[in-house]
Protein backbone atom coordinates (compact mmCIF):
# COMPACT_ATOMS: atom_id res chain seq x y z
CA MET A 1 -8.88 22.06 -5.41
CA PRO A 2 -8.90 18.30 -5.73
CA PHE A 3 -12.64 17.80 -6.28
CA LYS A 4 -14.44 18.87 -9.44
CA PHE A 5 -17.54 20.16 -7.59
CA GLU A 6 -15.47 22.69 -5.65
CA ASN A 7 -15.09 24.70 -8.86
CA LEU A 8 -18.82 24.85 -9.59
CA ASN A 9 -20.52 28.18 -8.83
CA ILE A 10 -23.79 26.33 -8.37
CA TRP A 11 -22.24 24.23 -5.58
CA LYS A 12 -20.73 27.34 -3.94
CA LYS A 13 -24.13 29.09 -4.04
CA ALA A 14 -25.90 26.05 -2.56
CA LEU A 15 -23.26 25.79 0.19
CA GLU A 16 -23.68 29.45 1.08
CA LEU A 17 -27.45 29.06 1.24
CA THR A 18 -27.39 25.93 3.40
CA ILE A 19 -25.31 27.77 6.01
CA GLU A 20 -27.78 30.66 5.98
CA ILE A 21 -30.80 28.34 6.19
CA ASN A 22 -29.20 26.57 9.15
CA ASP A 23 -28.93 29.94 10.93
CA VAL A 24 -32.58 30.72 10.13
CA ALA A 25 -33.70 27.32 11.44
CA LYS A 26 -31.95 28.02 14.76
CA LEU A 27 -34.51 30.79 15.29
CA PHE A 28 -37.49 28.42 15.05
CA PRO A 29 -39.20 27.45 18.33
CA LYS A 30 -37.65 24.56 20.26
CA HIS A 31 -40.71 22.37 19.65
CA GLU A 32 -39.81 22.45 15.93
CA LEU A 33 -36.31 21.07 16.54
CA TYR A 34 -37.14 17.58 15.25
CA SER A 35 -39.73 18.60 12.69
CA LEU A 36 -39.68 21.75 10.54
CA SER A 37 -36.26 22.91 11.73
CA SER A 38 -34.71 19.54 10.98
CA GLN A 39 -36.58 19.20 7.67
CA ILE A 40 -35.46 22.54 6.25
CA ARG A 41 -31.84 21.92 7.29
CA ARG A 42 -31.79 18.44 5.76
CA ALA A 43 -33.38 19.68 2.53
CA SER A 44 -30.92 22.55 2.13
CA ASP A 45 -28.01 20.23 2.89
CA SER A 46 -29.34 17.79 0.31
CA VAL A 47 -29.11 20.41 -2.44
CA VAL A 48 -25.37 20.81 -1.83
CA LEU A 49 -24.68 17.13 -1.29
CA ASN A 50 -26.45 15.97 -4.45
CA ILE A 51 -24.59 18.51 -6.59
CA ALA A 52 -21.28 17.25 -5.20
CA GLU A 53 -22.17 13.57 -5.45
CA GLY A 54 -23.54 13.86 -8.96
CA CYS A 55 -20.61 15.89 -10.21
CA THR A 56 -18.19 13.15 -9.28
CA GLY A 57 -20.27 10.48 -11.01
CA GLN A 58 -19.40 8.55 -14.12
CA SER A 59 -21.40 10.47 -16.73
CA ASN A 60 -23.34 13.62 -17.56
CA ARG A 61 -26.51 11.55 -17.51
CA GLU A 62 -25.77 10.50 -13.91
CA PHE A 63 -24.93 14.09 -12.94
CA ASN A 64 -28.23 15.20 -14.46
CA ARG A 65 -30.06 12.64 -12.32
CA PHE A 66 -28.45 13.97 -9.14
CA LEU A 67 -29.23 17.54 -10.17
CA GLY A 68 -32.87 16.43 -10.32
CA PHE A 69 -32.62 15.30 -6.69
CA SER A 70 -30.99 18.62 -5.85
CA MET A 71 -33.80 20.54 -7.58
CA ARG A 72 -36.46 18.65 -5.63
CA SER A 73 -34.65 19.39 -2.38
CA GLY A 74 -34.51 23.09 -3.28
CA ILE A 75 -38.25 23.07 -3.85
CA GLU A 76 -38.65 21.34 -0.49
CA VAL A 77 -36.73 24.21 1.16
CA VAL A 78 -39.13 26.69 -0.45
CA SER A 79 -42.11 24.74 0.89
CA CYS A 80 -40.55 24.76 4.35
CA LEU A 81 -40.10 28.53 4.04
CA TYR A 82 -43.82 28.87 3.32
CA ILE A 83 -44.67 26.82 6.41
CA ALA A 84 -42.26 28.86 8.54
CA LYS A 85 -43.80 32.09 7.28
CA ARG A 86 -47.35 30.89 7.91
CA LYS A 87 -46.38 29.83 11.43
CA LYS A 88 -44.74 33.25 11.87
CA TYR A 89 -41.23 31.82 12.48
CA ILE A 90 -39.81 34.06 9.76
CA ASP A 91 -40.92 37.47 8.61
CA GLU A 92 -41.87 38.50 5.09
CA ILE A 93 -38.45 40.04 4.43
CA ASN A 94 -36.53 36.84 5.23
CA PHE A 95 -39.09 34.74 3.41
CA ALA A 96 -38.71 36.86 0.26
CA LYS A 97 -34.92 36.84 0.51
CA TYR A 98 -34.61 33.06 0.72
CA TYR A 99 -37.46 32.43 -1.70
CA ASN A 100 -35.65 34.54 -4.29
CA GLU A 101 -32.28 32.90 -3.54
CA TYR A 102 -33.73 29.40 -3.98
CA GLU A 103 -35.60 30.45 -7.09
CA LEU A 104 -32.28 31.62 -8.56
CA LEU A 105 -30.53 28.43 -7.46
CA CYS A 106 -33.25 26.27 -9.02
CA LYS A 107 -32.91 28.22 -12.27
CA MET A 108 -29.15 27.61 -12.15
CA ILE A 109 -29.77 23.89 -11.61
CA ASN A 110 -32.23 23.78 -14.52
CA ALA A 111 -29.79 25.59 -16.81
CA LEU A 112 -27.03 23.14 -15.94
CA ARG A 113 -29.40 20.20 -16.45
CA SER A 114 -30.38 21.55 -19.88
CA ASN A 115 -26.73 21.94 -20.80
CA LEU A 116 -25.95 18.40 -19.69
CA LYS A 117 -28.95 16.99 -21.58
CA GLN A 118 -27.81 18.81 -24.71
CA THR A 119 -24.32 17.36 -24.27
CA PHE A 120 -25.42 13.75 -23.90
CA THR A 121 -28.02 14.12 -26.69
CA ASN A 122 -25.37 15.50 -29.05
CA ASN A 123 -22.93 12.74 -28.09
CA LYS A 124 -25.58 10.06 -28.71
CA ASN A 125 -26.42 11.53 -32.13
CA SER A 126 -22.77 11.69 -33.17
CA VAL A 127 -22.14 7.99 -32.51
């Protein structure tokens, strides 16, 4: 694999979830095509894209910044799931499934961010 991000489990998990969220969004009513359906797809795509873009950056600090964007997009997906549930576009079972998956993904992102912060803090202290 030529790109560093392709080896990251966090990127693989985010990619899997964005495909699933896209399938869920296809079930939303047609009048949501350019609003909630589009928003949830763009947010889930953003999680994957920011992990990839940040991973290929110049430093751990830069990667950490992009992981922050990714985290915010994951939280946006969760908010969209709440809206979809309240509007009865998804049932409680699918809501719980994707809520739990994004909660796990956000925890993975936070763990990686903490590891990166520790790395660049240690490097700064050793100089």
